[in-house]
Amino acid sequence: MVTIGVGVKFEIHDLNIWFGSAHAIRHVNIEIQTNEILSVIGPANSGKTTFLRTLNRLNELYANYNITGEVELEREDIRSIEIGELRRKVGMVFALPLPLPLSIFDNVAYGIKMHDRRGKKELEEKVEETLRQAYLWEEVKDRLSESAFKLSGGQQQRLCIARTLAVGPEVILFDEPCSGLDPISTAKVEDAMVKLKEKFTIVLVTNNVKQAARVGDKTAFFLNGELVELDKTDRIFTAPQDKRTDGYIRGKFG
C-alpha cells in the first residue's frame, strides 16, 4: 500500500456498502495519509461519492443504508465518535456552494459561535484567518457586511471552504467542488487546496482527471464500487498498473 507523509489519518479495511440490494462499495481497503491530498476518480456510479460520504457518516441519512468493515480516524472507529464531533473533525465542501442567507462575515462566524465562545476581536481575527486560508480575504475584506449571495459562484465556493475551516477540522472532504466553476475560479480553489494540505488532510472527489493530476499526492481509481488502483498520482497518470485505469484516464470510457 502506498504511503506518503508521516502518519495515517484514515484506515479503511474491507469496506462494503449497500443501499438496499445495491452493492455500492465492494471490499475497499485504503489508507489516507495525514497532510496529503487524495484524489478520487472514476466514472458515474463508480462509488467515489459514496466512499467520500462514508468518512463523515453522511450515508447514514439514507434509511436503506448498510455497511460492513472498518473505518478508523486516527485508530478510532468513526462509529464510536459522536456524530457532531466527527463532522466537525471531518468537514465537507459540496459540489454546489450553499452559503447561508447571512452576511459574508456571519457565514464564517456562524460555525465558530456554535463551537467556541470568543470575544468580538477574537472572532474577527478568526474570520479573517479562515477567509485568508480560503484565498478570499482580499476580495471581500471591504464587503464583509454584504449578503453572501452577492458573491460570484467561485467566491461562494471559497466562502463555504472558509466556513468549513472556521470550526477547526482535521480533514476536508471535497465533492466535485469545481464542477460549476469557470477556469479562473477553479484555479483559485485548487490553489487553496494545495496550500491547505499543509495543515489539513484532503480527500477530493473529482470528475476532472486533469484536476486530480494537478493537485493530488495520491490518486484512487474507483470502478463499479471497487478500488481498482491506488498509487502516487504521477505514477497513476504515467504508468498505471491496471488497463482499466489507463482506459479511463485516456477517455476511452467514463
Protein backbone atom coordinates (compact mmCIF):
# COMPACT_ATOMS: atom_id res chain seq x y z
CA MET A 1 0.00 0.00 0.00
CA VAL A 2 1.38 3.41 -0.97
CA THR A 3 2.16 5.75 1.90
CA ILE A 4 3.06 9.43 1.74
CA GLY A 5 3.67 11.68 4.72
CA VAL A 6 4.40 10.94 8.35
CA GLY A 7 1.15 9.43 9.63
CA VAL A 8 -2.09 7.75 8.76
CA LYS A 9 -5.29 9.77 9.16
CA PHE A 10 -7.84 7.22 7.91
CA GLU A 11 -7.60 3.44 7.74
CA ILE A 12 -10.34 1.62 5.85
CA HIS A 13 -10.49 -2.19 5.99
CA ASP A 14 -12.77 -4.41 3.87
CA LEU A 15 -15.39 -1.68 3.44
CA ASN A 16 -18.69 -2.78 1.92
CA ILE A 17 -21.74 -0.55 1.49
CA TRP A 18 -25.23 -1.38 0.31
CA PHE A 19 -28.25 0.78 -0.44
CA GLY A 20 -30.99 -1.78 -0.27
CA SER A 21 -29.83 -4.59 -2.54
CA ALA A 22 -27.40 -2.38 -4.49
CA HIS A 23 -23.80 -3.16 -3.52
CA ALA A 24 -22.26 0.31 -3.91
CA ILE A 25 -18.81 -0.25 -2.38
CA ARG A 26 -17.05 -3.62 -2.58
CA HIS A 27 -14.22 -4.75 -0.29
CA VAL A 28 -12.29 -1.48 -0.29
CA ASN A 29 -9.03 -1.26 1.64
CA ILE A 30 -7.23 2.07 1.73
CA GLU A 31 -5.08 4.31 3.90
CA ILE A 32 -5.28 8.09 3.72
CA GLN A 33 -2.18 9.88 4.94
CA THR A 34 -2.02 12.97 7.10
CA ASN A 35 -1.39 16.22 5.20
CA GLU A 36 -1.91 14.81 1.74
CA ILE A 37 -4.45 15.30 -1.00
CA LEU A 38 -6.06 12.07 -2.13
CA SER A 39 -7.79 12.49 -5.49
CA VAL A 40 -10.63 10.03 -6.10
CA ILE A 41 -11.61 9.49 -9.71
CA GLY A 42 -13.95 7.22 -11.62
CA PRO A 43 -16.98 7.30 -13.92
CA ALA A 44 -20.53 8.00 -12.75
CA ASN A 45 -21.89 5.38 -10.32
CA SER A 46 -18.39 4.13 -9.54
CA GLY A 47 -18.84 4.62 -5.79
CA LYS A 48 -16.49 7.54 -5.30
CA THR A 49 -19.01 9.93 -3.67
CA THR A 50 -20.43 7.10 -1.56
CA PHE A 51 -16.89 6.41 -0.37
CA LEU A 52 -16.36 10.09 0.43
CA ARG A 53 -19.60 10.37 2.40
CA THR A 54 -18.62 7.31 4.42
CA LEU A 55 -15.77 9.25 6.00
CA ASN A 56 -18.12 11.55 7.95
CA ARG A 57 -21.11 9.17 8.07
CA LEU A 58 -23.35 11.20 5.78
CA ASN A 59 -24.59 8.00 4.15
CA GLU A 60 -26.44 7.25 7.36
CA LEU A 61 -29.08 9.76 6.26
CA TYR A 62 -30.43 7.05 3.93
CA ALA A 63 -32.83 4.56 5.53
CA ASN A 64 -31.75 1.61 3.33
CA TYR A 65 -28.02 2.08 4.01
CA ASN A 66 -25.94 -0.78 5.36
CA ILE A 67 -22.19 -1.00 6.00
CA THR A 68 -19.65 -3.64 7.00
CA GLY A 69 -15.92 -3.32 7.54
CA GLU A 70 -13.88 -0.80 9.49
CA VAL A 71 -13.34 2.94 9.04
CA GLU A 72 -10.90 4.39 11.56
CA LEU A 73 -9.91 8.02 12.09
CA GLU A 74 -6.52 8.02 13.79
CA ARG A 75 -7.09 4.45 15.04
CA GLU A 76 -10.58 5.21 16.38
CA ASP A 77 -13.67 3.62 14.85
CA ILE A 78 -15.70 6.52 13.46
CA ARG A 79 -18.90 4.85 14.69
CA SER A 80 -17.68 5.45 18.25
CA ILE A 81 -17.24 9.20 17.67
CA GLU A 82 -20.24 11.41 18.46
CA ILE A 83 -21.70 12.42 15.08
CA GLY A 84 -21.45 16.17 15.64
CA GLU A 85 -17.83 15.88 16.74
CA LEU A 86 -16.98 13.64 13.77
CA ARG A 87 -18.43 16.14 11.31
CA ARG A 88 -16.52 18.96 12.99
CA LYS A 89 -13.30 16.97 12.58
CA VAL A 90 -14.18 15.84 9.05
CA GLY A 91 -15.70 18.81 7.24
CA MET A 92 -17.24 18.70 3.77
CA VAL A 93 -17.48 21.08 0.82
CA PHE A 94 -20.17 20.12 -1.68
CA ALA A 95 -20.36 20.50 -5.45
CA LEU A 96 -22.75 23.45 -5.30
CA PRO A 97 -21.86 26.29 -2.94
CA LEU A 98 -24.50 26.66 -0.25
CA PRO A 99 -23.93 29.93 1.61
CA LEU A 100 -26.26 30.77 4.46
CA PRO A 101 -28.71 33.68 3.96
CA LEU A 102 -26.42 35.88 6.03
CA SER A 103 -23.61 38.35 5.52
CA ILE A 104 -20.20 37.21 4.36
CA PHE A 105 -18.86 37.72 7.87
CA ASP A 106 -21.70 35.87 9.57
CA ASN A 107 -21.41 32.91 7.20
CA VAL A 108 -17.93 32.26 8.55
CA ALA A 109 -18.70 33.30 12.13
CA TYR A 110 -21.78 31.05 12.36
CA GLY A 111 -19.88 27.82 12.95
CA ILE A 112 -17.35 29.46 15.23
CA LYS A 113 -20.11 30.70 17.51
CA MET A 114 -21.62 27.21 17.67
CA HIS A 115 -18.39 25.54 18.75
CA ASP A 116 -16.41 28.24 20.51
CA ARG A 117 -17.06 31.27 22.66
CA ARG A 118 -14.87 34.14 21.57
CA GLY A 119 -14.81 37.87 22.16
CA LYS A 120 -15.56 40.23 19.30
CA LYS A 121 -11.91 40.85 18.46
CA GLU A 122 -11.01 37.15 18.57
CA LEU A 123 -13.99 36.35 16.37
CA GLU A 124 -12.97 38.96 13.82
CA GLU A 125 -9.42 37.60 13.79
CA LYS A 126 -10.64 34.04 13.24
CA VAL A 127 -12.95 35.10 10.40
CA GLU A 128 -10.07 36.91 8.71
CA GLU A 129 -7.75 33.94 9.20
CA THR A 130 -10.13 31.46 7.59
CA LEU A 131 -11.00 33.79 4.71
CA ARG A 132 -7.28 34.13 4.03
CA GLN A 133 -6.86 30.37 4.10
CA ALA A 134 -9.64 30.10 1.52
CA TYR A 135 -7.94 32.71 -0.71
CA LEU A 136 -10.92 35.05 -0.36
CA TRP A 137 -9.94 37.76 2.13
CA GLU A 138 -8.51 40.27 -0.33
CA GLU A 139 -11.67 40.10 -2.45
CA VAL A 140 -14.17 40.59 0.39
CA LYS A 141 -12.41 42.42 3.22
CA ASP A 142 -14.30 45.63 2.42
CA ARG A 143 -17.61 43.84 1.87
CA LEU A 144 -18.00 41.69 4.97
CA SER A 145 -21.41 43.09 5.85
CA GLU A 146 -22.85 42.34 2.39
CA SER A 147 -25.03 39.32 1.68
CA ALA A 148 -23.09 36.21 0.73
CA PHE A 149 -25.46 35.83 -2.22
CA LYS A 150 -23.82 38.87 -3.86
CA LEU A 151 -20.63 36.89 -4.34
CA SER A 152 -19.84 35.09 -7.58
CA GLY A 153 -20.17 31.32 -7.73
CA GLY A 154 -16.44 30.83 -7.28
CA GLN A 155 -16.35 33.24 -4.36
CA GLN A 156 -19.31 31.49 -2.75
CA GLN A 157 -17.48 28.18 -3.00
CA ARG A 158 -14.40 29.63 -1.32
CA LEU A 159 -16.67 31.14 1.34
CA CYS A 160 -18.03 27.66 2.01
CA ILE A 161 -14.45 26.42 2.33
CA ALA A 162 -13.79 29.20 4.86
CA ARG A 163 -16.93 28.28 6.79
CA THR A 164 -15.74 24.67 6.95
CA LEU A 165 -12.28 25.72 8.12
CA ALA A 166 -13.69 28.00 10.81
CA VAL A 167 -14.77 25.12 13.07
CA GLY A 168 -11.28 23.62 13.18
CA PRO A 169 -11.48 20.38 11.15
CA GLU A 170 -8.65 17.91 10.69
CA VAL A 171 -9.91 16.60 7.34
CA ILE A 172 -11.70 18.37 4.49
CA LEU A 173 -13.78 16.36 2.02
CA PHE A 174 -14.36 17.98 -1.37
CA ASP A 175 -17.16 16.55 -3.52
CA GLU A 176 -16.58 17.88 -7.04
CA PRO A 177 -16.10 21.44 -5.69
CA CYS A 178 -15.30 22.96 -9.08
CA SER A 179 -17.98 21.28 -11.20
CA GLY A 180 -19.87 24.55 -11.78
CA LEU A 181 -16.95 26.96 -11.80
CA ASP A 182 -15.08 28.74 -14.57
CA PRO A 183 -11.34 28.02 -15.10
CA ILE A 184 -10.16 31.07 -13.12
CA SER A 185 -12.33 30.22 -10.12
CA THR A 186 -11.28 26.57 -10.39
CA ALA A 187 -7.62 27.58 -10.28
CA LYS A 188 -8.20 29.61 -7.11
CA VAL A 189 -9.95 26.70 -5.39
CA GLU A 190 -7.12 24.36 -6.43
CA ASP A 191 -4.51 26.82 -5.14
CA ALA A 192 -6.36 26.94 -1.84
CA MET A 193 -6.43 23.13 -1.60
CA VAL A 194 -2.70 22.79 -2.23
CA LYS A 195 -1.95 25.37 0.45
CA LEU A 196 -4.45 23.86 2.90
CA LYS A 197 -2.80 20.44 2.87
CA GLU A 198 0.00 21.96 4.97
CA LYS A 199 -2.46 21.89 7.89
CA PHE A 200 -5.24 19.55 6.82
CA THR A 201 -5.81 16.18 5.18
CA ILE A 202 -7.86 16.49 1.99
CA VAL A 203 -9.92 13.97 0.05
CA LEU A 204 -11.07 15.26 -3.34
CA VAL A 205 -13.68 13.55 -5.49
CA THR A 206 -13.48 14.94 -9.00
CA ASN A 207 -14.72 14.06 -12.48
CA ASN A 208 -11.88 16.14 -13.92
CA VAL A 209 -8.88 13.85 -14.30
CA LYS A 210 -6.65 16.83 -15.09
CA GLN A 211 -7.63 18.37 -11.76
CA ALA A 212 -6.81 15.12 -9.99
CA ALA A 213 -3.40 15.13 -11.66
CA ARG A 214 -2.76 18.77 -10.78
CA VAL A 215 -3.48 18.62 -7.05
CA GLY A 216 -3.38 15.02 -5.86
CA ASP A 217 -0.47 13.47 -3.99
CA LYS A 218 -2.12 10.09 -4.49
CA THR A 219 -4.98 9.07 -6.76
CA ALA A 220 -7.53 6.32 -6.25
CA PHE A 221 -9.48 4.97 -9.22
CA PHE A 222 -12.91 3.50 -8.47
CA LEU A 223 -14.99 1.44 -10.89
CA ASN A 224 -18.29 -0.32 -10.14
CA GLY A 225 -17.76 0.14 -6.42
CA GLU A 226 -14.28 -1.37 -6.42
CA LEU A 227 -10.96 0.33 -5.76
CA VAL A 228 -9.17 -0.67 -8.94
CA GLU A 229 -5.90 1.14 -8.33
CA LEU A 230 -4.26 3.42 -5.78
CA ASP A 231 -0.85 4.97 -6.27
CA LYS A 232 1.15 8.15 -6.32
CA THR A 233 -0.53 10.49 -8.76
CA ASP A 234 2.39 10.79 -11.14
CA ARG A 235 2.55 7.00 -11.49
CA ILE A 236 -1.22 6.63 -11.95
CA PHE A 237 -1.15 9.12 -14.81
CA THR A 238 2.06 7.95 -16.50
CA ALA A 239 2.28 4.22 -15.80
CA PRO A 240 -0.98 2.81 -14.42
CA GLN A 241 -0.81 -0.86 -13.47
CA ASP A 242 -4.39 -1.75 -14.49
CA LYS A 243 -5.60 -1.41 -18.07
CA ARG A 244 -8.98 -0.15 -16.80
CA THR A 245 -7.25 2.79 -15.11
CA ASP A 246 -5.36 3.54 -18.32
CA GLY A 247 -8.58 3.38 -20.34
CA TYR A 248 -10.41 5.79 -18.03
CA ILE A 249 -7.55 8.30 -17.93
CA ARG A 250 -7.31 8.19 -21.72
CA GLY A 251 -11.03 8.88 -22.03
CA LYS A 252 -11.96 5.54 -23.54
CA PHE A 253 -14.92 5.29 -21.16
CA GLY A 254 -16.41 7.34 -18.33
